[in-house]
Amino acid sequence: MAAVDSSSAAASASSSGGGRSNAAAAGASAVCPCPICLEDFKDEAYLDACLHSFCFKCVAQWVKVVASKHEEPLSSVKCPLCKTENLSIIHAFDGETFQRHYIEQDPGKRYLSDAQQLISQFYNTREISDSTSSVQQYWKQRKYLRKNMWLEMWLTQEIQALTQVENVEAIVYHIHGVIESFMKRQEKLHASKQISPEHTREEFRSLLSNAARPFLLGRTDRFVTEVELFLISQQNINAYSRARVQRFNGSASHVAREQEALPRDRPLEDHYLTFLSDEPGGEI
């Protein structure tokens, strides 16, 4: 996610008459200091709309200064370089995960619920898979031909949590379309005995991975596994969510890690399942 400041790169290319190669321009951009402290980046952070980069502490402090000049809490802030409105600061990106600091810190006005934030944290923990026999049975008996009416809604919930973006309609449309196309092809091949269950599963996971990777990056493989487990479960959203809580509770380290972020008087299940009671597809 290391974004190159396009305006800086353009200025560098212009000052040299465009004679330098793209690689040289990129190299020059990479050593540019933080525009606020003018020193090397420390915990490089990006504003979510324009992707201009700063030290996280520098831009966070700058937001506080701007906020102090307004009577009402800010819901967005203009980039000090290009004046684009931004809703959050993205930092601590390690190739797979990142942290997001919203300008509006009122939880009641956040786009995503606490439960979706918790879903995102699930992807940071050790994977606990269902039994191998369940997976094999699903593909061998062609249970994937049974349509799951909750899939699109479940994909929306997961991708919102992983990208921490409210409007993921285009991403969900693309990924769900890939899955639907795969299933329709399999219906036509239903009578054929030439394709093994192992090959069918491998093709499904490969197609889904290619569709999701541009959006989910390092979390793609885990996402593919979660999609497969959701389909294998043949459950609605709430039933699968309950099962997933139980599955992740098998890891003591996970429970300890997540409880740090939760109210002390509420167990993990209560906090997570509060979200489920108001969601469509809630009856189990």
C-alpha atoms as a PDB file:
ATOM      1  CA  MET A   1       0.000   0.000   0.000  1.00  0.00           C
ATOM      2  CA  ALA A   2       3.044   2.268  -0.162  1.00  0.00           C
ATOM      3  CA  ALA A   3       1.579   4.964  -2.354  1.00  0.00           C
ATOM      4  CA  VAL A   4       3.749   7.309  -4.377  1.00  0.00           C
ATOM      5  CA  ASP A   5       2.871  11.004  -4.041  1.00  0.00           C
ATOM      6  CA  SER A   6       1.797  11.706  -7.611  1.00  0.00           C
ATOM      7  CA  SER A   7       2.158  15.475  -7.274  1.00  0.00           C
ATOM      8  CA  SER A   8       5.741  15.156  -5.995  1.00  0.00           C
ATOM      9  CA  ALA A   9       6.620  12.698  -8.757  1.00  0.00           C
ATOM     10  CA  ALA A  10       5.124  15.008 -11.354  1.00  0.00           C
ATOM     11  CA  ALA A  11       7.048  17.997  -9.988  1.00  0.00           C
ATOM     12  CA  SER A  12      10.302  16.030 -10.036  1.00  0.00           C
ATOM     13  CA  ALA A  13       9.742  14.924 -13.606  1.00  0.00           C
ATOM     14  CA  SER A  14       8.899  18.496 -14.655  1.00  0.00           C
ATOM     15  CA  SER A  15      11.990  20.039 -13.059  1.00  0.00           C
ATOM     16  CA  SER A  16      14.241  17.606 -14.888  1.00  0.00           C
ATOM     17  CA  GLY A  17      12.543  18.090 -18.201  1.00  0.00           C
ATOM     18  CA  GLY A  18      11.142  14.586 -18.124  1.00  0.00           C
ATOM     19  CA  GLY A  19      14.575  13.129 -18.821  1.00  0.00           C
ATOM     20  CA  ARG A  20      14.713  10.786 -15.869  1.00  0.00           C
ATOM     21  CA  SER A  21      13.298   7.293 -16.047  1.00  0.00           C
ATOM     22  CA  ASN A  22      10.217   6.222 -14.120  1.00  0.00           C
ATOM     23  CA  ALA A  23      12.425   4.172 -11.821  1.00  0.00           C
ATOM     24  CA  ALA A  24      14.583   7.183 -10.992  1.00  0.00           C
ATOM     25  CA  ALA A  25      11.505   9.317 -10.317  1.00  0.00           C
ATOM     26  CA  ALA A  26      10.058   6.650  -8.063  1.00  0.00           C
ATOM     27  CA  GLY A  27      13.354   6.401  -6.219  1.00  0.00           C
ATOM     28  CA  ALA A  28      13.442  10.145  -5.680  1.00  0.00           C
ATOM     29  CA  SER A  29       9.875  10.117  -4.380  1.00  0.00           C
ATOM     30  CA  ALA A  30      10.663   7.280  -1.990  1.00  0.00           C
ATOM     31  CA  VAL A  31      13.252   9.416  -0.139  1.00  0.00           C
ATOM     32  CA  CYS A  32      11.021  12.499   0.153  1.00  0.00           C
ATOM     33  CA  PRO A  33      10.619  13.547   3.797  1.00  0.00           C
ATOM     34  CA  CYS A  34       7.365  13.994   5.684  1.00  0.00           C
ATOM     35  CA  PRO A  35       5.861  17.292   4.463  1.00  0.00           C
ATOM     36  CA  ILE A  36       5.119  18.343   8.057  1.00  0.00           C
ATOM     37  CA  CYS A  37       8.294  17.588  10.040  1.00  0.00           C
ATOM     38  CA  LEU A  38      10.598  17.451   7.000  1.00  0.00           C
ATOM     39  CA  GLU A  39      12.293  14.338   8.387  1.00  0.00           C
ATOM     40  CA  ASP A  40      12.229  10.659   7.350  1.00  0.00           C
ATOM     41  CA  PHE A  41       8.838   8.998   7.747  1.00  0.00           C
ATOM     42  CA  LYS A  42       8.058   7.369  11.093  1.00  0.00           C
ATOM     43  CA  ASP A  43       4.978   5.105  10.941  1.00  0.00           C
ATOM     44  CA  GLU A  44       4.111   6.368   7.459  1.00  0.00           C
ATOM     45  CA  ALA A  45       0.429   7.234   7.203  1.00  0.00           C
ATOM     46  CA  TYR A  46      -1.912   8.080   4.323  1.00  0.00           C
ATOM     47  CA  LEU A  47      -5.002  10.230   4.110  1.00  0.00           C
ATOM     48  CA  ASP A  48      -7.706   7.923   2.737  1.00  0.00           C
ATOM     49  CA  ALA A  49      -8.955  10.003  -0.216  1.00  0.00           C
ATOM     50  CA  CYS A  50      -5.896  11.705  -1.691  1.00  0.00           C
ATOM     51  CA  LEU A  51      -3.272   9.223  -0.351  1.00  0.00           C
ATOM     52  CA  HIS A  52      -0.762  11.937   0.500  1.00  0.00           C
ATOM     53  CA  SER A  53       1.626  10.546   3.105  1.00  0.00           C
ATOM     54  CA  PHE A  54       2.914  11.908   6.419  1.00  0.00           C
ATOM     55  CA  CYS A  55       4.285  10.595   9.689  1.00  0.00           C
ATOM     56  CA  PHE A  56       1.268   9.329  11.611  1.00  0.00           C
ATOM     57  CA  LYS A  57       2.048  11.441  14.691  1.00  0.00           C
ATOM     58  CA  CYS A  58       2.574  14.518  12.532  1.00  0.00           C
ATOM     59  CA  VAL A  59      -0.714  14.296  10.647  1.00  0.00           C
ATOM     60  CA  ALA A  60      -2.641  13.234  13.775  1.00  0.00           C
ATOM     61  CA  GLN A  61      -1.304  16.271  15.639  1.00  0.00           C
ATOM     62  CA  TRP A  62      -2.121  18.473  12.651  1.00  0.00           C
ATOM     63  CA  VAL A  63      -5.730  17.192  12.718  1.00  0.00           C
ATOM     64  CA  LYS A  64      -5.944  18.081  16.424  1.00  0.00           C
ATOM     65  CA  VAL A  65      -4.758  21.607  15.696  1.00  0.00           C
ATOM     66  CA  VAL A  66      -7.328  22.021  12.919  1.00  0.00           C
ATOM     67  CA  ALA A  67     -10.081  20.564  15.137  1.00  0.00           C
ATOM     68  CA  SER A  68      -9.206  22.980  17.957  1.00  0.00           C
ATOM     69  CA  LYS A  69     -10.166  25.872  15.692  1.00  0.00           C
ATOM     70  CA  HIS A  70     -13.721  24.570  15.211  1.00  0.00           C
ATOM     71  CA  GLU A  71     -16.520  24.595  17.755  1.00  0.00           C
ATOM     72  CA  GLU A  72     -18.171  21.433  16.356  1.00  0.00           C
ATOM     73  CA  PRO A  73     -16.341  18.062  16.080  1.00  0.00           C
ATOM     74  CA  LEU A  74     -14.872  17.420  12.645  1.00  0.00           C
ATOM     75  CA  SER A  75     -16.172  14.584  10.473  1.00  0.00           C
ATOM     76  CA  SER A  76     -13.493  15.123   7.811  1.00  0.00           C
ATOM     77  CA  VAL A  77     -10.353  17.155   7.278  1.00  0.00           C
ATOM     78  CA  LYS A  78      -8.720  18.765   4.251  1.00  0.00           C
ATOM     79  CA  CYS A  79      -5.299  17.524   3.202  1.00  0.00           C
ATOM     80  CA  PRO A  80      -2.687  20.214   3.953  1.00  0.00           C
ATOM     81  CA  LEU A  81      -1.152  19.641   0.510  1.00  0.00           C
ATOM     82  CA  CYS A  82      -4.077  19.341  -1.914  1.00  0.00           C
ATOM     83  CA  LYS A  83      -7.125  20.387   0.204  1.00  0.00           C
ATOM     84  CA  THR A  84      -9.001  17.142  -0.597  1.00  0.00           C
ATOM     85  CA  GLU A  85     -11.533  16.132   2.065  1.00  0.00           C
ATOM     86  CA  ASN A  86     -10.494  12.957   3.931  1.00  0.00           C
ATOM     87  CA  LEU A  87     -12.430  10.887   6.457  1.00  0.00           C
ATOM     88  CA  SER A  88      -9.578   8.914   8.027  1.00  0.00           C
ATOM     89  CA  ILE A  89      -5.850   8.294   8.367  1.00  0.00           C
ATOM     90  CA  ILE A  90      -4.483   4.879   7.382  1.00  0.00           C
ATOM     91  CA  HIS A  91      -1.253   3.733   9.048  1.00  0.00           C
ATOM     92  CA  ALA A  92       0.686   0.741  10.444  1.00  0.00           C
ATOM     93  CA  PHE A  93       0.316  -1.082   7.108  1.00  0.00           C
ATOM     94  CA  ASP A  94       2.436  -4.261   7.058  1.00  0.00           C
ATOM     95  CA  GLY A  95       1.376  -5.782   3.736  1.00  0.00           C
ATOM     96  CA  GLU A  96      -1.598  -7.607   5.215  1.00  0.00           C
ATOM     97  CA  THR A  97      -3.216  -5.438   7.890  1.00  0.00           C
ATOM     98  CA  PHE A  98      -3.497  -1.759   8.720  1.00  0.00           C
ATOM     99  CA  GLN A  99      -4.999   0.557  11.302  1.00  0.00           C
ATOM    100  CA  ARG A 100      -7.508   3.268  10.506  1.00  0.00           C
ATOM    101  CA  HIS A 101      -7.904   6.439  12.563  1.00  0.00           C
ATOM    102  CA  TYR A 102     -11.197   8.176  11.808  1.00  0.00           C
ATOM    103  CA  ILE A 103     -11.353  11.960  11.968  1.00  0.00           C
ATOM    104  CA  GLU A 104     -14.819  11.619  13.533  1.00  0.00           C
ATOM    105  CA  GLN A 105     -14.194   9.753  16.779  1.00  0.00           C
ATOM    106  CA  ASP A 106     -17.834   9.495  17.893  1.00  0.00           C
ATOM    107  CA  PRO A 107     -18.609   5.707  17.691  1.00  0.00           C
ATOM    108  CA  GLY A 108     -22.274   6.495  17.090  1.00  0.00           C
ATOM    109  CA  LYS A 109     -21.385   8.182  13.818  1.00  0.00           C
ATOM    110  CA  ARG A 110     -18.953   5.579  12.498  1.00  0.00           C
ATOM    111  CA  TYR A 111     -19.740   3.853   9.216  1.00  0.00           C
ATOM    112  CA  LEU A 112     -18.860   0.419  10.567  1.00  0.00           C
ATOM    113  CA  SER A 113     -20.147  -1.277  13.695  1.00  0.00           C
ATOM    114  CA  ASP A 114     -17.962  -2.623  16.500  1.00  0.00           C
ATOM    115  CA  ALA A 115     -18.914  -6.131  15.348  1.00  0.00           C
ATOM    116  CA  GLN A 116     -17.502  -5.448  11.871  1.00  0.00           C
ATOM    117  CA  GLN A 117     -14.321  -4.130  13.461  1.00  0.00           C
ATOM    118  CA  LEU A 118     -14.171  -7.420  15.362  1.00  0.00           C
ATOM    119  CA  ILE A 119     -14.645  -9.409  12.146  1.00  0.00           C
ATOM    120  CA  SER A 120     -11.594  -7.620  10.775  1.00  0.00           C
ATOM    121  CA  GLN A 121      -9.616  -8.690  13.842  1.00  0.00           C
ATOM    122  CA  PHE A 122     -10.660 -12.329  13.282  1.00  0.00           C
ATOM    123  CA  TYR A 123      -8.592 -12.258  10.107  1.00  0.00           C
ATOM    124  CA  ASN A 124      -5.494 -11.360  12.139  1.00  0.00           C
ATOM    125  CA  THR A 125      -5.666 -14.509  14.242  1.00  0.00           C
ATOM    126  CA  ARG A 126      -4.514 -18.054  13.691  1.00  0.00           C
ATOM    127  CA  GLU A 127      -6.817 -19.830  11.246  1.00  0.00           C
ATOM    128  CA  ILE A 128      -8.983 -22.609  12.702  1.00  0.00           C
ATOM    129  CA  SER A 129     -10.557 -24.646   9.910  1.00  0.00           C
ATOM    130  CA  ASP A 130     -13.536 -26.955   9.979  1.00  0.00           C
ATOM    131  CA  SER A 131     -12.953 -30.690   9.595  1.00  0.00           C
ATOM    132  CA  THR A 132     -11.377 -31.890   6.377  1.00  0.00           C
ATOM    133  CA  SER A 133     -14.175 -34.430   5.933  1.00  0.00           C
ATOM    134  CA  SER A 134     -16.795 -31.649   5.738  1.00  0.00           C
ATOM    135  CA  VAL A 135     -14.824 -29.902   3.003  1.00  0.00           C
ATOM    136  CA  GLN A 136     -14.349 -33.091   0.998  1.00  0.00           C
ATOM    137  CA  GLN A 137     -18.002 -34.051   1.339  1.00  0.00           C
ATOM    138  CA  TYR A 138     -19.151 -30.618   0.159  1.00  0.00           C
ATOM    139  CA  TRP A 139     -17.220 -30.826  -3.106  1.00  0.00           C
ATOM    140  CA  LYS A 140     -17.630 -34.559  -3.696  1.00  0.00           C
ATOM    141  CA  GLN A 141     -21.418 -34.499  -3.272  1.00  0.00           C
ATOM    142  CA  ARG A 142     -21.703 -31.275  -5.314  1.00  0.00           C
ATOM    143  CA  LYS A 143     -23.452 -29.466  -2.494  1.00  0.00           C
ATOM    144  CA  TYR A 144     -22.106 -26.237  -3.972  1.00  0.00           C
ATOM    145  CA  LEU A 145     -24.941 -26.464  -6.519  1.00  0.00           C
ATOM    146  CA  ARG A 146     -27.394 -25.491  -3.756  1.00  0.00           C
ATOM    147  CA  LYS A 147     -27.846 -21.735  -3.932  1.00  0.00           C
ATOM    148  CA  ASN A 148     -27.040 -19.819  -0.745  1.00  0.00           C
ATOM    149  CA  MET A 149     -29.474 -16.903  -0.572  1.00  0.00           C
ATOM    150  CA  TRP A 150     -27.399 -15.114   2.085  1.00  0.00           C
ATOM    151  CA  LEU A 151     -24.092 -15.124   0.192  1.00  0.00           C
ATOM    152  CA  GLU A 152     -24.222 -11.610  -1.274  1.00  0.00           C
ATOM    153  CA  MET A 153     -25.252 -10.067   2.041  1.00  0.00           C
ATOM    154  CA  TRP A 154     -22.547 -12.011   3.877  1.00  0.00           C
ATOM    155  CA  LEU A 155     -19.911 -10.898   1.348  1.00  0.00           C
ATOM    156  CA  THR A 156     -20.927  -7.282   1.941  1.00  0.00           C
ATOM    157  CA  GLN A 157     -20.476  -7.670   5.695  1.00  0.00           C
ATOM    158  CA  GLU A 158     -17.055  -9.310   5.349  1.00  0.00           C
ATOM    159  CA  ILE A 159     -15.657  -6.918   2.738  1.00  0.00           C
ATOM    160  CA  GLN A 160     -16.860  -3.860   4.644  1.00  0.00           C
ATOM    161  CA  ALA A 161     -15.030  -5.164   7.690  1.00  0.00           C
ATOM    162  CA  LEU A 162     -11.842  -5.982   5.781  1.00  0.00           C
ATOM    163  CA  THR A 163     -11.618  -2.775   3.731  1.00  0.00           C
ATOM    164  CA  GLN A 164     -13.197  -0.592   6.442  1.00  0.00           C
ATOM    165  CA  VAL A 165     -15.192   1.133   3.723  1.00  0.00           C
ATOM    166  CA  GLU A 166     -18.974   1.475   3.835  1.00  0.00           C
ATOM    167  CA  ASN A 167     -19.746   1.440   0.103  1.00  0.00           C
ATOM    168  CA  VAL A 168     -18.362  -1.846  -1.243  1.00  0.00           C
ATOM    169  CA  GLU A 169     -21.164  -2.480  -3.733  1.00  0.00           C
ATOM    170  CA  ALA A 170     -18.848  -2.618  -6.765  1.00  0.00           C
ATOM    171  CA  ILE A 171     -16.420  -5.021  -5.059  1.00  0.00           C
ATOM    172  CA  VAL A 172     -19.215  -7.314  -3.887  1.00  0.00           C
ATOM    173  CA  TYR A 173     -20.829  -7.241  -7.340  1.00  0.00           C
ATOM    174  CA  HIS A 174     -17.542  -8.343  -8.911  1.00  0.00           C
ATOM    175  CA  ILE A 175     -16.715 -11.122  -6.434  1.00  0.00           C
ATOM    176  CA  HIS A 176     -20.284 -12.416  -6.204  1.00  0.00           C
ATOM    177  CA  GLY A 177     -20.485 -12.430 -10.003  1.00  0.00           C
ATOM    178  CA  VAL A 178     -17.361 -14.592 -10.237  1.00  0.00           C
ATOM    179  CA  ILE A 179     -18.864 -17.093  -7.777  1.00  0.00           C
ATOM    180  CA  GLU A 180     -22.228 -17.146  -9.569  1.00  0.00           C
ATOM    181  CA  SER A 181     -20.572 -17.686 -12.963  1.00  0.00           C
ATOM    182  CA  PHE A 182     -18.549 -20.565 -11.544  1.00  0.00           C
ATOM    183  CA  MET A 183     -21.645 -22.215 -10.072  1.00  0.00           C
ATOM    184  CA  LYS A 184     -23.585 -21.887 -13.338  1.00  0.00           C
ATOM    185  CA  ARG A 185     -20.750 -23.568 -15.239  1.00  0.00           C
ATOM    186  CA  GLN A 186     -20.749 -26.375 -12.706  1.00  0.00           C
ATOM    187  CA  GLU A 187     -24.492 -26.920 -13.182  1.00  0.00           C
ATOM    188  CA  LYS A 188     -23.868 -27.584 -16.871  1.00  0.00           C
ATOM    189  CA  LEU A 189     -21.088 -30.018 -15.973  1.00  0.00           C
ATOM    190  CA  HIS A 190     -23.178 -31.739 -13.288  1.00  0.00           C
ATOM    191  CA  ALA A 191     -23.610 -34.940 -15.277  1.00  0.00           C
ATOM    192  CA  SER A 192     -19.957 -35.119 -16.203  1.00  0.00           C
ATOM    193  CA  LYS A 193     -17.767 -37.503 -14.208  1.00  0.00           C
ATOM    194  CA  GLN A 194     -14.530 -36.371 -15.810  1.00  0.00           C
ATOM    195  CA  ILE A 195     -13.784 -33.478 -13.433  1.00  0.00           C
ATOM    196  CA  SER A 196     -12.670 -34.498  -9.967  1.00  0.00           C
ATOM    197  CA  PRO A 197     -13.959 -32.751  -6.805  1.00  0.00           C
ATOM    198  CA  GLU A 198     -10.383 -31.745  -6.017  1.00  0.00           C
ATOM    199  CA  HIS A 199     -10.017 -30.014  -9.379  1.00  0.00           C
ATOM    200  CA  THR A 200     -13.384 -28.254  -8.959  1.00  0.00           C
ATOM    201  CA  ARG A 201     -12.393 -26.958  -5.550  1.00  0.00           C
ATOM    202  CA  GLU A 202      -8.986 -25.833  -6.786  1.00  0.00           C
ATOM    203  CA  GLU A 203     -10.560 -23.930  -9.675  1.00  0.00           C
ATOM    204  CA  PHE A 204     -13.088 -22.255  -7.366  1.00  0.00           C
ATOM    205  CA  ARG A 205     -10.454 -21.090  -4.905  1.00  0.00           C
ATOM    206  CA  SER A 206      -8.189 -19.862  -7.702  1.00  0.00           C
ATOM    207  CA  LEU A 207     -10.946 -17.833  -9.398  1.00  0.00           C
ATOM    208  CA  LEU A 208     -12.105 -16.356  -6.093  1.00  0.00           C
ATOM    209  CA  SER A 209      -8.550 -15.483  -5.093  1.00  0.00           C
ATOM    210  CA  ASN A 210      -7.876 -13.682  -8.371  1.00  0.00           C
ATOM    211  CA  ALA A 211     -11.123 -11.730  -8.035  1.00  0.00           C
ATOM    212  CA  ALA A 212     -10.546 -10.655  -4.435  1.00  0.00           C
ATOM    213  CA  ARG A 213      -6.775 -10.034  -4.301  1.00  0.00           C
ATOM    214  CA  PRO A 214      -6.783  -6.529  -5.872  1.00  0.00           C
ATOM    215  CA  PHE A 215      -9.061  -5.382  -3.029  1.00  0.00           C
ATOM    216  CA  LEU A 216      -8.000  -7.517  -0.039  1.00  0.00           C
ATOM    217  CA  LEU A 217      -4.258  -7.919  -0.688  1.00  0.00           C
ATOM    218  CA  GLY A 218      -2.610 -10.034   2.028  1.00  0.00           C
ATOM    219  CA  ARG A 219      -5.921 -11.103   3.545  1.00  0.00           C
ATOM    220  CA  THR A 220      -7.103 -12.745   0.333  1.00  0.00           C
ATOM    221  CA  ASP A 221      -6.170 -16.353   1.124  1.00  0.00           C
ATOM    222  CA  ARG A 222      -7.887 -16.187   4.502  1.00  0.00           C
ATOM    223  CA  PHE A 223     -10.952 -14.583   2.878  1.00  0.00           C
ATOM    224  CA  VAL A 224     -11.163 -17.408   0.319  1.00  0.00           C
ATOM    225  CA  THR A 225     -11.123 -19.948   3.149  1.00  0.00           C
ATOM    226  CA  GLU A 226     -13.856 -18.068   5.019  1.00  0.00           C
ATOM    227  CA  VAL A 227     -16.050 -17.940   1.892  1.00  0.00           C
ATOM    228  CA  GLU A 228     -15.615 -21.669   1.415  1.00  0.00           C
ATOM    229  CA  LEU A 229     -16.448 -22.388   5.068  1.00  0.00           C
ATOM    230  CA  PHE A 230     -19.542 -20.192   4.870  1.00  0.00           C
ATOM    231  CA  LEU A 231     -20.779 -22.046   1.790  1.00  0.00           C
ATOM    232  CA  ILE A 232     -19.985 -25.439   3.300  1.00  0.00           C
ATOM    233  CA  SER A 233     -21.914 -24.564   6.466  1.00  0.00           C
ATOM    234  CA  GLN A 234     -25.106 -23.968   4.428  1.00  0.00           C
ATOM    235  CA  GLN A 235     -26.199 -21.655   7.241  1.00  0.00           C
ATOM    236  CA  ASN A 236     -27.636 -18.161   7.240  1.00  0.00           C
ATOM    237  CA  ILE A 237     -25.525 -15.206   8.344  1.00  0.00           C
ATOM    238  CA  ASN A 238     -26.389 -15.362  12.041  1.00  0.00           C
ATOM    239  CA  ALA A 239     -25.973 -19.116  12.409  1.00  0.00           C
ATOM    240  CA  TYR A 240     -22.583 -19.002  10.713  1.00  0.00           C
ATOM    241  CA  SER A 241     -21.524 -16.032  12.824  1.00  0.00           C
ATOM    242  CA  ARG A 242     -22.350 -17.947  16.000  1.00  0.00           C
ATOM    243  CA  ALA A 243     -20.424 -20.958  14.734  1.00  0.00           C
ATOM    244  CA  ARG A 244     -17.461 -18.759  13.875  1.00  0.00           C
ATOM    245  CA  VAL A 245     -17.373 -17.287  17.374  1.00  0.00           C
ATOM    246  CA  GLN A 246     -17.218 -20.814  18.761  1.00  0.00           C
ATOM    247  CA  ARG A 247     -14.554 -21.753  16.224  1.00  0.00           C
ATOM    248  CA  PHE A 248     -12.364 -18.812  17.161  1.00  0.00           C
ATOM    249  CA  ASN A 249     -12.937 -19.353  20.856  1.00  0.00           C
ATOM    250  CA  GLY A 250     -10.868 -22.512  20.352  1.00  0.00           C
ATOM    251  CA  SER A 251      -7.839 -20.264  20.361  1.00  0.00           C
ATOM    252  CA  ALA A 252      -7.110 -18.941  23.855  1.00  0.00           C
ATOM    253  CA  SER A 253      -4.731 -16.342  22.468  1.00  0.00           C
ATOM    254  CA  HIS A 254      -7.506 -14.992  20.262  1.00  0.00           C
ATOM    255  CA  VAL A 255      -9.909 -14.583  23.168  1.00  0.00           C
ATOM    256  CA  ALA A 256      -7.308 -12.786  25.267  1.00  0.00           C
ATOM    257  CA  ARG A 257      -6.410 -10.502  22.382  1.00  0.00           C
ATOM    258  CA  GLU A 258      -9.965  -9.525  21.518  1.00  0.00           C
ATOM    259  CA  GLN A 259     -11.126  -9.079  25.102  1.00  0.00           C
ATOM    260  CA  GLU A 260      -8.610  -6.240  25.450  1.00  0.00           C
ATOM    261  CA  ALA A 261     -10.718  -4.193  23.014  1.00  0.00           C
ATOM    262  CA  LEU A 262     -14.103  -5.086  24.528  1.00  0.00           C
ATOM    263  CA  PRO A 263     -16.025  -3.846  27.589  1.00  0.00           C
ATOM    264  CA  ARG A 264     -14.769  -5.692  30.652  1.00  0.00           C
ATOM    265  CA  ASP A 265     -18.253  -6.660  31.787  1.00  0.00           C
ATOM    266  CA  ARG A 266     -19.243  -8.359  28.525  1.00  0.00           C
ATOM    267  CA  PRO A 267     -17.891 -11.640  27.124  1.00  0.00           C
ATOM    268  CA  LEU A 268     -16.807 -11.947  23.507  1.00  0.00           C
ATOM    269  CA  GLU A 269     -19.964 -13.766  22.385  1.00  0.00           C
ATOM    270  CA  ASP A 270     -22.323 -11.156  23.855  1.00  0.00           C
ATOM    271  CA  HIS A 271     -20.450  -8.279  22.254  1.00  0.00           C
ATOM    272  CA  TYR A 272     -20.285  -9.936  18.855  1.00  0.00           C
ATOM    273  CA  LEU A 273     -23.808 -11.346  18.772  1.00  0.00           C
ATOM    274  CA  THR A 274     -25.452  -8.050  19.749  1.00  0.00           C
ATOM    275  CA  PHE A 275     -24.780  -7.056  16.156  1.00  0.00           C
ATOM    276  CA  LEU A 276     -26.655 -10.087  14.840  1.00  0.00           C
ATOM    277  CA  SER A 277     -30.066  -9.498  16.392  1.00  0.00           C
ATOM    278  CA  ASP A 278     -30.830  -6.515  14.176  1.00  0.00           C
ATOM    279  CA  GLU A 279     -29.440  -7.957  10.952  1.00  0.00           C
ATOM    280  CA  PRO A 280     -31.485  -9.453   8.062  1.00  0.00           C
ATOM    281  CA  GLY A 281     -31.437 -13.236   8.036  1.00  0.00           C
ATOM    282  CA  GLY A 282     -31.361 -13.313  11.804  1.00  0.00           C
ATOM    283  CA  GLU A 283     -33.545 -16.316  12.460  1.00  0.00           C
ATOM    284  CA  ILE A 284     -31.639 -19.506  12.943  1.00  0.00           C
END
